[in-house]
Amino acid sequence: MPKMRRKADLPTKICAACGRPFAWRRKWARDWDEVKFCSERCRAERRRTTSAQPARPSN
């Protein structure tokens, strides 16, 4: 049986949307380098806020 790891021993990142730290998950094992958001909610929120910003008027 494999040795259990503590959550504190796993790599962490900072979420690009909410700014909170989140830890590695097994489902992200193949693409950990591309993971930017801690959850689907943050990913959807970030996409919604960036596309909803109005264009700046150039005077």
N, C-alpha and C. Protein backbone atom coordinates (compact mmCIF):
# COMPACT_ATOMS: atom_id res chain seq x y z
N MET A 1 0.84 -1.18 0.00
CA MET A 1 0.00 0.00 0.00
C MET A 1 0.89 1.24 0.00
N PRO A 2 0.56 2.25 -0.86
CA PRO A 2 1.40 3.45 -0.92
C PRO A 2 1.31 4.28 0.35
N LYS A 3 2.38 5.00 0.61
CA LYS A 3 2.43 5.87 1.78
C LYS A 3 1.50 7.06 1.57
N MET A 4 0.74 7.40 2.58
CA MET A 4 -0.19 8.53 2.51
C MET A 4 0.58 9.84 2.63
N ARG A 5 0.13 10.83 1.87
CA ARG A 5 0.72 12.17 1.94
C ARG A 5 -0.18 13.10 2.72
N ARG A 6 0.44 14.03 3.39
CA ARG A 6 -0.35 15.05 4.07
C ARG A 6 -0.66 16.16 3.08
N LYS A 7 -1.77 16.83 3.26
CA LYS A 7 -2.18 17.92 2.38
C LYS A 7 -1.12 19.03 2.37
N ALA A 8 -0.47 19.25 3.47
CA ALA A 8 0.54 20.30 3.56
C ALA A 8 1.77 19.98 2.71
N ASP A 9 1.99 18.71 2.37
CA ASP A 9 3.14 18.31 1.57
C ASP A 9 2.90 18.45 0.07
N LEU A 10 1.66 18.69 -0.35
CA LEU A 10 1.34 18.80 -1.77
C LEU A 10 1.67 20.19 -2.30
N PRO A 11 1.98 20.29 -3.60
CA PRO A 11 2.26 21.61 -4.17
C PRO A 11 1.02 22.50 -4.17
N THR A 12 1.21 23.81 -4.08
CA THR A 12 0.10 24.74 -4.06
C THR A 12 0.30 25.83 -5.11
N LYS A 13 -0.80 26.49 -5.47
CA LYS A 13 -0.79 27.64 -6.38
C LYS A 13 -1.77 28.66 -5.85
N ILE A 14 -1.73 29.86 -6.42
CA ILE A 14 -2.67 30.92 -6.07
C ILE A 14 -3.68 31.03 -7.21
N CYS A 15 -4.96 31.06 -6.89
CA CYS A 15 -6.03 31.15 -7.89
C CYS A 15 -5.97 32.51 -8.59
N ALA A 16 -6.09 32.50 -9.92
CA ALA A 16 -6.03 33.74 -10.70
C ALA A 16 -7.29 34.58 -10.53
N ALA A 17 -8.38 34.00 -10.08
CA ALA A 17 -9.63 34.74 -9.93
C ALA A 17 -9.83 35.28 -8.52
N CYS A 18 -9.72 34.40 -7.53
CA CYS A 18 -10.02 34.83 -6.16
C CYS A 18 -8.78 35.14 -5.32
N GLY A 19 -7.61 34.70 -5.76
CA GLY A 19 -6.38 35.00 -5.04
C GLY A 19 -6.10 34.10 -3.85
N ARG A 20 -6.88 33.06 -3.67
CA ARG A 20 -6.68 32.14 -2.56
C ARG A 20 -5.77 31.00 -2.99
N PRO A 21 -5.00 30.45 -2.04
CA PRO A 21 -4.16 29.30 -2.37
C PRO A 21 -5.00 28.03 -2.51
N PHE A 22 -4.58 27.15 -3.42
CA PHE A 22 -5.23 25.85 -3.54
C PHE A 22 -4.17 24.80 -3.79
N ALA A 23 -4.46 23.57 -3.37
CA ALA A 23 -3.48 22.49 -3.41
C ALA A 23 -3.73 21.57 -4.61
N TRP A 24 -2.70 20.85 -4.96
CA TRP A 24 -2.73 19.86 -6.04
C TRP A 24 -3.83 18.84 -5.79
N ARG A 25 -4.50 18.44 -6.84
CA ARG A 25 -5.50 17.37 -6.76
C ARG A 25 -5.14 16.29 -7.75
N ARG A 26 -5.54 15.09 -7.45
CA ARG A 26 -5.20 13.96 -8.30
C ARG A 26 -5.73 14.12 -9.72
N LYS A 27 -6.93 14.72 -9.88
CA LYS A 27 -7.50 14.88 -11.21
C LYS A 27 -6.71 15.90 -12.05
N TRP A 28 -5.87 16.71 -11.41
CA TRP A 28 -5.05 17.68 -12.13
C TRP A 28 -3.64 17.15 -12.38
N ALA A 29 -3.38 15.89 -12.13
CA ALA A 29 -2.03 15.33 -12.21
C ALA A 29 -1.40 15.52 -13.59
N ARG A 30 -2.15 15.32 -14.66
CA ARG A 30 -1.59 15.42 -16.01
C ARG A 30 -1.35 16.86 -16.45
N ASP A 31 -2.19 17.79 -15.99
CA ASP A 31 -2.08 19.17 -16.48
C ASP A 31 -1.94 20.20 -15.35
N TRP A 32 -1.20 19.87 -14.32
CA TRP A 32 -1.01 20.77 -13.19
C TRP A 32 -0.37 22.09 -13.62
N ASP A 33 0.50 22.05 -14.62
CA ASP A 33 1.16 23.28 -15.07
C ASP A 33 0.19 24.26 -15.70
N GLU A 34 -0.92 23.77 -16.28
CA GLU A 34 -1.89 24.64 -16.94
C GLU A 34 -3.03 25.10 -16.03
N VAL A 35 -3.15 24.50 -14.84
CA VAL A 35 -4.23 24.85 -13.92
C VAL A 35 -4.01 26.25 -13.37
N LYS A 36 -5.04 27.12 -13.50
CA LYS A 36 -4.92 28.50 -13.03
C LYS A 36 -5.96 28.86 -11.98
N PHE A 37 -7.07 28.11 -11.96
CA PHE A 37 -8.18 28.45 -11.07
C PHE A 37 -8.45 27.33 -10.09
N CYS A 38 -8.94 27.68 -8.91
CA CYS A 38 -9.17 26.68 -7.86
C CYS A 38 -10.45 25.90 -8.06
N SER A 39 -11.39 26.45 -8.85
CA SER A 39 -12.67 25.76 -9.03
C SER A 39 -13.32 26.18 -10.34
N GLU A 40 -14.34 25.46 -10.72
CA GLU A 40 -15.13 25.82 -11.91
C GLU A 40 -15.80 27.17 -11.70
N ARG A 41 -16.23 27.43 -10.48
CA ARG A 41 -16.89 28.71 -10.19
C ARG A 41 -15.94 29.89 -10.44
N CYS A 42 -14.70 29.78 -9.99
CA CYS A 42 -13.73 30.85 -10.22
C CYS A 42 -13.42 30.99 -11.71
N ARG A 43 -13.31 29.87 -12.40
CA ARG A 43 -13.01 29.92 -13.83
C ARG A 43 -14.13 30.60 -14.59
N ALA A 44 -15.38 30.26 -14.27
CA ALA A 44 -16.54 30.88 -14.93
C ALA A 44 -16.66 32.35 -14.57
N GLU A 45 -16.41 32.70 -13.32
CA GLU A 45 -16.49 34.09 -12.87
C GLU A 45 -15.44 34.94 -13.57
N ARG A 46 -14.24 34.42 -13.70
CA ARG A 46 -13.16 35.17 -14.36
C ARG A 46 -13.49 35.41 -15.83
N ARG A 47 -14.02 34.38 -16.48
CA ARG A 47 -14.38 34.51 -17.89
C ARG A 47 -15.51 35.51 -18.07
N ARG A 48 -16.48 35.52 -17.15
CA ARG A 48 -17.62 36.42 -17.24
C ARG A 48 -17.21 37.87 -17.00
N THR A 49 -16.31 38.11 -16.05
CA THR A 49 -15.91 39.49 -15.75
C THR A 49 -15.00 40.07 -16.82
N THR A 50 -14.16 39.25 -17.45
CA THR A 50 -13.28 39.79 -18.48
C THR A 50 -14.02 40.07 -19.77
N SER A 51 -15.06 39.29 -20.08
CA SER A 51 -15.81 39.54 -21.31
C SER A 51 -16.88 40.60 -21.13
N ALA A 52 -17.26 40.90 -19.89
CA ALA A 52 -18.33 41.87 -19.64
C ALA A 52 -17.80 43.29 -19.47
N GLN A 53 -16.50 43.48 -19.44
CA GLN A 53 -15.96 44.82 -19.27
C GLN A 53 -16.16 45.64 -20.55
N PRO A 54 -16.71 46.84 -20.42
CA PRO A 54 -16.90 47.67 -21.60
C PRO A 54 -15.57 48.22 -22.12
N ALA A 55 -15.55 48.53 -23.38
CA ALA A 55 -14.33 49.08 -23.99
C ALA A 55 -14.10 50.49 -23.47
N ARG A 56 -12.84 50.85 -23.29
CA ARG A 56 -12.51 52.19 -22.81
C ARG A 56 -12.64 53.18 -23.95
N PRO A 57 -13.30 54.29 -23.69
CA PRO A 57 -13.39 55.32 -24.73
C PRO A 57 -12.03 56.00 -24.91
N SER A 58 -11.64 56.22 -26.14
CA SER A 58 -10.36 56.89 -26.40
C SER A 58 -10.63 58.32 -26.84
N ASN A 59 -10.37 59.25 -25.94
CA ASN A 59 -10.61 60.68 -26.22
C ASN A 59 -9.37 61.36 -26.66
